[in-house]
Amino acid sequence: MVRPFIYALSTGLVFSKLFFDGLGEDSLIISFATIGNSFFFRPVGAALAGHLGDRLGRRAMLIAGCHGRKPSAAARLRP
């Protein structure tokens, strides 16, 4: 159970130098806020997807999830 916290600590420290270096001392706070958002919204999304999966069907949610990832994958592929 310690692994997520080690991941969050190391990622927060790396993100502050890699992505938010121009913001000075606020870069560490912003990088930890980014990781904190993912820890908060993952269970929220799981609850929402679980509720909709019970109502609409798991197959429909699987298809919606696959189609929902396409824009982010396309954004990663462009130069």
C-alpha atoms as a PDB file:
ATOM      1  CA  MET A   1       0.000   0.000   0.000  1.00  0.00           C
ATOM      2  CA  VAL A   2       3.028   2.241   0.179  1.00  0.00           C
ATOM      3  CA  ARG A   3       3.711   2.069  -3.569  1.00  0.00           C
ATOM      4  CA  PRO A   4       1.141   4.692  -4.642  1.00  0.00           C
ATOM      5  CA  PHE A   5       2.606   7.184  -2.199  1.00  0.00           C
ATOM      6  CA  ILE A   6       6.156   6.512  -3.360  1.00  0.00           C
ATOM      7  CA  TYR A   7       4.955   6.936  -6.930  1.00  0.00           C
ATOM      8  CA  ALA A   8       3.187  10.202  -6.066  1.00  0.00           C
ATOM      9  CA  LEU A   9       6.206  11.580  -4.248  1.00  0.00           C
ATOM     10  CA  SER A  10       8.687  10.716  -6.987  1.00  0.00           C
ATOM     11  CA  THR A  11       6.365  11.835  -9.765  1.00  0.00           C
ATOM     12  CA  GLY A  12       5.619  15.106  -8.020  1.00  0.00           C
ATOM     13  CA  LEU A  13       9.302  15.847  -7.626  1.00  0.00           C
ATOM     14  CA  VAL A  14      10.082  14.940 -11.248  1.00  0.00           C
ATOM     15  CA  PHE A  15       7.077  16.854 -12.655  1.00  0.00           C
ATOM     16  CA  SER A  16       8.042  19.993 -10.776  1.00  0.00           C
ATOM     17  CA  LYS A  17      11.428  20.110 -12.496  1.00  0.00           C
ATOM     18  CA  LEU A  18      10.348  18.745 -15.865  1.00  0.00           C
ATOM     19  CA  PHE A  19       7.058  20.510 -16.633  1.00  0.00           C
ATOM     20  CA  PHE A  20       6.674  23.418 -14.223  1.00  0.00           C
ATOM     21  CA  ASP A  21      10.246  24.651 -13.913  1.00  0.00           C
ATOM     22  CA  GLY A  22       9.491  28.221 -14.983  1.00  0.00           C
ATOM     23  CA  LEU A  23       7.050  28.823 -12.113  1.00  0.00           C
ATOM     24  CA  GLY A  24       9.672  28.919  -9.362  1.00  0.00           C
ATOM     25  CA  GLU A  25       8.634  27.757  -5.910  1.00  0.00           C
ATOM     26  CA  ASP A  26       5.028  27.141  -6.946  1.00  0.00           C
ATOM     27  CA  SER A  27       6.094  24.339  -9.281  1.00  0.00           C
ATOM     28  CA  LEU A  28       6.215  21.759  -6.477  1.00  0.00           C
ATOM     29  CA  ILE A  29       2.725  22.654  -5.253  1.00  0.00           C
ATOM     30  CA  ILE A  30       1.293  22.519  -8.773  1.00  0.00           C
ATOM     31  CA  SER A  31       2.918  19.146  -9.484  1.00  0.00           C
ATOM     32  CA  PHE A  32       1.517  17.625  -6.275  1.00  0.00           C
ATOM     33  CA  ALA A  33      -1.894  19.121  -7.087  1.00  0.00           C
ATOM     34  CA  THR A  34      -1.756  17.392 -10.472  1.00  0.00           C
ATOM     35  CA  ILE A  35      -1.086  14.020  -8.838  1.00  0.00           C
ATOM     36  CA  GLY A  36      -3.721  14.736  -6.179  1.00  0.00           C
ATOM     37  CA  ASN A  37      -6.337  15.336  -8.857  1.00  0.00           C
ATOM     38  CA  SER A  38      -5.703  11.888 -10.296  1.00  0.00           C
ATOM     39  CA  PHE A  39      -6.017  10.259  -6.860  1.00  0.00           C
ATOM     40  CA  PHE A  40      -9.339  12.062  -6.324  1.00  0.00           C
ATOM     41  CA  PHE A  41     -10.980  11.705  -9.733  1.00  0.00           C
ATOM     42  CA  ARG A  42     -10.129   8.050 -10.345  1.00  0.00           C
ATOM     43  CA  PRO A  43     -12.644   6.723  -7.770  1.00  0.00           C
ATOM     44  CA  VAL A  44     -15.178   9.358  -8.836  1.00  0.00           C
ATOM     45  CA  GLY A  45     -14.924   8.185 -12.442  1.00  0.00           C
ATOM     46  CA  ALA A  46     -15.109   4.555 -11.354  1.00  0.00           C
ATOM     47  CA  ALA A  47     -18.308   5.219  -9.401  1.00  0.00           C
ATOM     48  CA  LEU A  48     -19.836   7.054 -12.350  1.00  0.00           C
ATOM     49  CA  ALA A  49     -18.811   4.385 -14.843  1.00  0.00           C
ATOM     50  CA  GLY A  50     -20.031   1.642 -12.501  1.00  0.00           C
ATOM     51  CA  HIS A  51     -23.417   3.289 -12.111  1.00  0.00           C
ATOM     52  CA  LEU A  52     -23.795   3.811 -15.842  1.00  0.00           C
ATOM     53  CA  GLY A  53     -22.513   0.297 -16.494  1.00  0.00           C
ATOM     54  CA  ASP A  54     -25.274  -1.122 -14.296  1.00  0.00           C
ATOM     55  CA  ARG A  55     -27.929   0.929 -16.065  1.00  0.00           C
ATOM     56  CA  LEU A  56     -26.734   0.810 -19.687  1.00  0.00           C
ATOM     57  CA  GLY A  57     -24.727  -2.392 -19.693  1.00  0.00           C
ATOM     58  CA  ARG A  58     -21.062  -3.172 -19.332  1.00  0.00           C
ATOM     59  CA  ARG A  59     -20.518  -3.589 -23.043  1.00  0.00           C
ATOM     60  CA  ALA A  60     -21.829  -0.098 -23.762  1.00  0.00           C
ATOM     61  CA  MET A  61     -19.502   1.363 -21.121  1.00  0.00           C
ATOM     62  CA  LEU A  62     -16.551  -0.578 -22.517  1.00  0.00           C
ATOM     63  CA  ILE A  63     -17.231   0.799 -25.987  1.00  0.00           C
ATOM     64  CA  ALA A  64     -17.716   4.326 -24.612  1.00  0.00           C
ATOM     65  CA  GLY A  65     -14.443   4.059 -22.696  1.00  0.00           C
ATOM     66  CA  CYS A  66     -12.557   2.890 -25.768  1.00  0.00           C
ATOM     67  CA  HIS A  67     -13.972   5.725 -27.862  1.00  0.00           C
ATOM     68  CA  GLY A  68     -13.261   8.207 -25.086  1.00  0.00           C
ATOM     69  CA  ARG A  69      -9.547   7.431 -25.206  1.00  0.00           C
ATOM     70  CA  LYS A  70      -9.196   8.117 -28.921  1.00  0.00           C
ATOM     71  CA  PRO A  71      -8.791  11.922 -28.693  1.00  0.00           C
ATOM     72  CA  SER A  72      -6.014  11.657 -26.119  1.00  0.00           C
ATOM     73  CA  ALA A  73      -4.238   9.006 -28.185  1.00  0.00           C
ATOM     74  CA  ALA A  74      -4.530  11.194 -31.280  1.00  0.00           C
ATOM     75  CA  ALA A  75      -3.101  14.148 -29.353  1.00  0.00           C
ATOM     76  CA  ARG A  76      -0.071  12.078 -28.360  1.00  0.00           C
ATOM     77  CA  LEU A  77       0.608  11.049 -31.951  1.00  0.00           C
ATOM     78  CA  ARG A  78       0.832  14.523 -33.425  1.00  0.00           C
ATOM     79  CA  PRO A  79       4.246  16.198 -33.442  1.00  0.00           C
END
